[in-house]
Protein backbone atom coordinates (compact mmCIF):
# COMPACT_ATOMS: atom_id res chain seq x y z
CA UNK A 1 -2.25 19.94 28.84
CA UNK A 2 -3.34 20.32 25.24
CA UNK A 3 -5.24 17.44 23.68
CA UNK A 4 -3.27 15.53 21.05
CA UNK A 5 -3.86 16.76 17.52
CA UNK A 6 -6.26 14.67 15.47
CA UNK A 7 -4.36 12.88 12.67
CA UNK A 8 -5.40 13.71 9.13
CA UNK A 9 -5.30 11.81 5.85
CA UNK A 10 -4.89 13.61 2.47
CA UNK A 11 -7.73 11.79 0.69
CA UNK A 12 -7.75 12.40 -3.05
CA UNK A 13 -9.95 9.48 -4.14
CA UNK A 14 -12.49 7.14 -2.56
CA UNK A 15 -13.55 4.08 -4.55
CA UNK A 16 -16.49 2.03 -3.30
CA UNK A 17 -17.69 -1.50 -4.10
CA UNK A 18 -14.36 -2.79 -5.36
CA UNK A 19 -14.05 -6.55 -5.83
CA UNK A 20 -10.86 -8.55 -6.14
CA UNK A 21 -8.38 -5.72 -6.68
CA UNK A 22 -7.78 -4.62 -3.07
CA UNK A 23 -8.18 -7.79 -1.07
CA UNK A 24 -11.03 -10.22 -0.44
CA UNK A 25 -14.65 -9.15 -0.23
CA UNK A 26 -16.21 -5.81 -1.00
CA UNK A 27 -13.72 -3.04 -0.31
CA UNK A 28 -13.53 0.72 -0.33
CA UNK A 29 -10.21 2.15 -1.46
CA UNK A 30 -9.10 5.32 0.35
CA UNK A 31 -6.20 6.84 -1.62
CA UNK A 32 -3.70 9.22 -0.04
CA UNK A 33 -1.72 11.89 -1.83
CA UNK A 34 2.03 11.74 -1.30
CA UNK A 35 4.74 9.13 -1.82
CA UNK A 36 8.49 8.91 -1.10
CA UNK A 37 9.17 7.11 -4.40
CA UNK A 38 9.30 8.46 -7.93
CA UNK A 39 8.66 5.34 -9.97
CA UNK A 40 9.22 5.74 -13.68
CA UNK A 41 5.87 4.13 -14.52
CA UNK A 42 3.87 5.31 -11.53
CA UNK A 43 0.41 3.75 -11.63
CA UNK A 44 -1.16 6.68 -9.73
CA UNK A 45 0.77 9.79 -10.81
CA UNK A 46 -2.00 12.04 -9.52
CA UNK A 47 -0.94 11.05 -6.02
CA UNK A 48 2.37 12.87 -6.57
CA UNK A 49 1.00 16.17 -7.83
CA UNK A 50 0.66 19.04 -5.40
CA UNK A 51 -2.21 20.39 -7.49
CA UNK A 52 -4.24 17.19 -7.08
CA UNK A 53 -7.24 18.12 -4.94
CA UNK A 54 -7.09 16.33 -1.60
CA UNK A 55 -9.40 16.62 1.36
CA UNK A 56 -7.66 16.41 4.73
CA UNK A 57 -10.05 14.10 6.56
CA UNK A 58 -10.09 12.96 10.17
CA UNK A 59 -10.59 9.30 11.12
CA UNK A 60 -14.16 10.07 12.16
CA UNK A 61 -14.88 11.77 8.84
CA UNK A 62 -13.57 8.83 6.83
CA UNK A 63 -15.62 6.47 8.98
CA UNK A 64 -18.76 8.45 8.20
CA UNK A 65 -17.90 8.29 4.49
CA UNK A 66 -17.41 4.50 4.53
CA UNK A 67 -19.90 3.18 7.09
CA UNK A 68 -22.65 3.13 4.45
CA UNK A 69 -21.08 -0.16 3.26
CA UNK A 70 -20.80 -1.73 6.70
CA UNK A 71 -23.14 -4.62 5.85
CA UNK A 72 -21.21 -5.38 2.65
CA UNK A 73 -17.92 -5.35 4.54
CA UNK A 74 -19.13 -7.68 7.27
CA UNK A 75 -20.97 -10.06 4.95
CA UNK A 76 -18.04 -10.52 2.55
CA UNK A 77 -14.97 -10.16 4.76
CA UNK A 78 -14.18 -6.82 3.16
CA UNK A 79 -13.45 -3.40 4.54
CA UNK A 80 -11.27 -0.39 3.84
CA UNK A 81 -8.04 -0.58 1.89
CA UNK A 82 -5.61 2.32 2.19
CA UNK A 83 -3.73 3.13 -1.00
CA UNK A 84 -2.15 6.05 -2.73
CA UNK A 85 0.54 7.21 -2.89
CA UNK A 86 1.99 5.72 0.25
CA UNK A 87 -0.73 5.40 2.90
CA UNK A 88 1.54 4.15 5.69
CA UNK A 89 3.07 7.62 5.87
CA UNK A 90 -0.13 8.36 7.79
CA UNK A 91 0.19 5.53 10.31
CA UNK A 92 -1.31 7.49 13.26
CA UNK A 93 -4.41 8.09 11.15
CA UNK A 94 -4.73 4.38 10.36
CA UNK A 95 -4.36 3.53 14.05
CA UNK A 96 -7.06 6.04 15.01
CA UNK A 97 -9.36 4.78 12.25
CA UNK A 98 -8.99 1.23 13.54
CA UNK A 99 -10.13 2.35 16.99
CA UNK A 100 -13.28 3.84 15.45
CA UNK A 101 -14.25 1.07 13.02
CA UNK A 102 -13.38 -1.75 15.40
CA UNK A 103 -12.48 -5.31 14.47
CA UNK A 104 -15.47 -6.10 12.24
CA UNK A 105 -13.93 -4.49 9.16
CA UNK A 106 -10.77 -5.80 7.55
CA UNK A 107 -8.22 -3.06 7.08
CA UNK A 108 -5.60 -3.44 4.38
CA UNK A 109 -2.93 -1.26 2.85
CA UNK A 110 -1.31 -1.23 -0.57
CA UNK A 111 2.22 -0.12 0.22
CA UNK A 112 5.83 -0.02 -0.92
CA UNK A 113 6.93 -0.25 2.74
CA UNK A 114 9.62 2.32 1.92
CA UNK A 115 9.19 4.43 5.03
CA UNK A 116 10.62 4.72 8.55
CA UNK A 117 10.32 1.62 10.73
CA UNK A 118 8.36 3.48 13.42
CA UNK A 119 5.57 4.33 10.98
CA UNK A 120 5.58 0.83 9.48
CA UNK A 121 5.44 -0.80 12.91
CA UNK A 122 2.46 1.31 14.04
CA UNK A 123 0.48 0.82 10.83
CA UNK A 124 1.15 -2.91 10.61
CA UNK A 125 -0.09 -3.40 14.17
CA UNK A 126 -3.49 -2.09 13.05
CA UNK A 127 -3.85 -3.89 9.71
CA UNK A 128 -5.35 -7.25 8.80
CA UNK A 129 -3.36 -7.53 5.58
CA UNK A 130 -0.56 -5.79 3.71
CA UNK A 131 -0.34 -5.81 -0.08
CA UNK A 132 3.28 -4.97 -0.82
CA UNK A 133 4.66 -3.90 -4.21
CA UNK A 134 8.28 -4.87 -3.71
CA UNK A 135 9.51 -3.65 -7.16
CA UNK A 136 12.73 -5.69 -7.19
CA UNK A 137 15.05 -7.11 -4.53
CA UNK A 138 18.12 -5.98 -6.46
CA UNK A 139 19.06 -2.56 -4.99
CA UNK A 140 20.48 -1.34 -8.30
CA UNK A 141 17.28 -2.11 -10.20
CA UNK A 142 15.13 -0.72 -7.40
CA UNK A 143 17.01 2.57 -7.31
CA UNK A 144 17.01 2.93 -11.09
CA UNK A 145 13.24 2.52 -11.14
CA UNK A 146 12.17 4.38 -7.98
CA UNK A 147 14.99 6.83 -7.26
CA UNK A 148 15.42 5.37 -3.75
CA UNK A 149 17.24 2.49 -2.08
CA UNK A 150 15.34 -0.60 -0.95
CA UNK A 151 16.95 -1.31 2.43
CA UNK A 152 13.96 0.12 4.31
CA UNK A 153 11.53 -1.79 2.13
CA UNK A 154 13.17 -5.14 2.78
CA UNK A 155 13.58 -4.48 6.52
CA UNK A 156 9.94 -3.47 6.82
CA UNK A 157 8.86 -6.51 4.81
CA UNK A 158 10.57 -8.72 7.41
CA UNK A 159 8.69 -6.75 10.06
CA UNK A 160 5.40 -7.25 8.20
CA UNK A 161 5.97 -11.00 7.93
CA UNK A 162 6.73 -11.17 11.66
CA UNK A 163 3.84 -8.90 12.69
CA UNK A 164 1.05 -10.17 10.45
CA UNK A 165 2.31 -13.61 9.52
CA UNK A 166 3.12 -14.74 5.95
CA UNK A 167 -0.50 -15.66 5.24
CA UNK A 168 -1.55 -12.02 5.64
CA UNK A 169 1.17 -10.44 3.51
CA UNK A 170 0.71 -10.50 -0.26
CA UNK A 171 3.97 -9.56 -2.00
CA UNK A 172 3.63 -8.38 -5.59
CA UNK A 173 6.68 -8.72 -7.85
CA UNK A 174 6.38 -6.73 -11.07
CA UNK A 175 8.01 -7.33 -14.39
CA UNK A 176 9.04 -3.78 -15.26
CA UNK A 177 9.77 -3.34 -18.98
CA UNK A 178 13.20 -1.81 -19.48
CA UNK A 179 14.26 -2.29 -15.85
CA UNK A 180 14.21 -5.97 -14.90
CA UNK A 181 14.15 -9.30 -16.68
CA UNK A 182 12.37 -12.59 -16.05
CA UNK A 183 15.56 -13.84 -14.41
CA UNK A 184 15.56 -10.79 -12.11
CA UNK A 185 11.97 -11.55 -11.14
CA UNK A 186 12.88 -15.17 -10.41
CA UNK A 187 15.78 -14.04 -8.21
CA UNK A 188 13.51 -11.66 -6.32
CA UNK A 189 10.92 -14.38 -5.74
CA UNK A 190 13.62 -16.74 -4.46
CA UNK A 191 14.93 -14.06 -2.08
CA UNK A 192 11.41 -13.39 -0.81
CA UNK A 193 10.80 -17.07 -0.17
CA UNK A 194 14.04 -17.18 1.80
CA UNK A 195 12.65 -14.33 3.93
CA UNK A 196 9.54 -16.36 4.66
CA UNK A 197 7.07 -14.87 2.18
CA UNK A 198 4.57 -17.43 0.89
CA UNK A 199 1.96 -15.33 -0.96
CA UNK A 200 3.66 -14.06 -4.09
CA UNK A 201 2.14 -12.49 -7.19
CA UNK A 202 4.33 -11.93 -10.26
CA UNK A 203 2.76 -9.63 -12.84
CA UNK A 204 3.70 -7.24 -15.63
CA UNK A 205 3.31 -3.47 -15.37
CA UNK A 206 1.19 -1.91 -18.04
CA UNK A 207 3.24 1.04 -19.20
CA UNK A 208 1.28 4.30 -19.56
CA UNK A 209 0.61 5.05 -23.22
CA UNK A 210 2.62 8.26 -23.29
CA UNK A 211 5.64 6.39 -21.93
CA UNK A 212 5.39 3.42 -24.31
CA UNK A 213 5.16 5.72 -27.34
CA UNK A 214 8.46 7.46 -26.61
CA UNK A 215 11.43 6.56 -28.83
């Protein structure tokens, strides 16, 4: 029988020594190219562009690139945070990376959770924390902003809360100028609390300059 193919991750950026933006401790952000959403004010538009250079790395290769900060990770409770783009599209890679790095590093993902349940379930089983940008609980607002429905997102958020526990799921609720209001944000937060979410972060998107200057 043929050996299973090694999973790959389309790495387009690797940010070391990050503090406070991607979870506790010193973290390295590994950003993947590719995302199922087309958010109007995408914070990482380079992740959507086919021409963005991306290196298809194996779990072992990423480990070699990040192990230089092993002492920082272990001393501060940090580790590797997968971002993008949508990193959970590459769930088999995350699972394989966990096997290599072991339990000493904390693995996190910044995710929309808008992906098939099978991929979400595999990735969540390997993570220490999920940082979820929920956009808005209202399906009309969500679709207007992202171009997709939010049924998968909400179902996978329930799965994340069950798998990791509410204390390890940070749910970010953005105020999106031109798309939702403060009342919409309050309704989303109330709905999330009803689902069992306890770590909630409401914030305002900073609109890219070229977007904010349009008439």
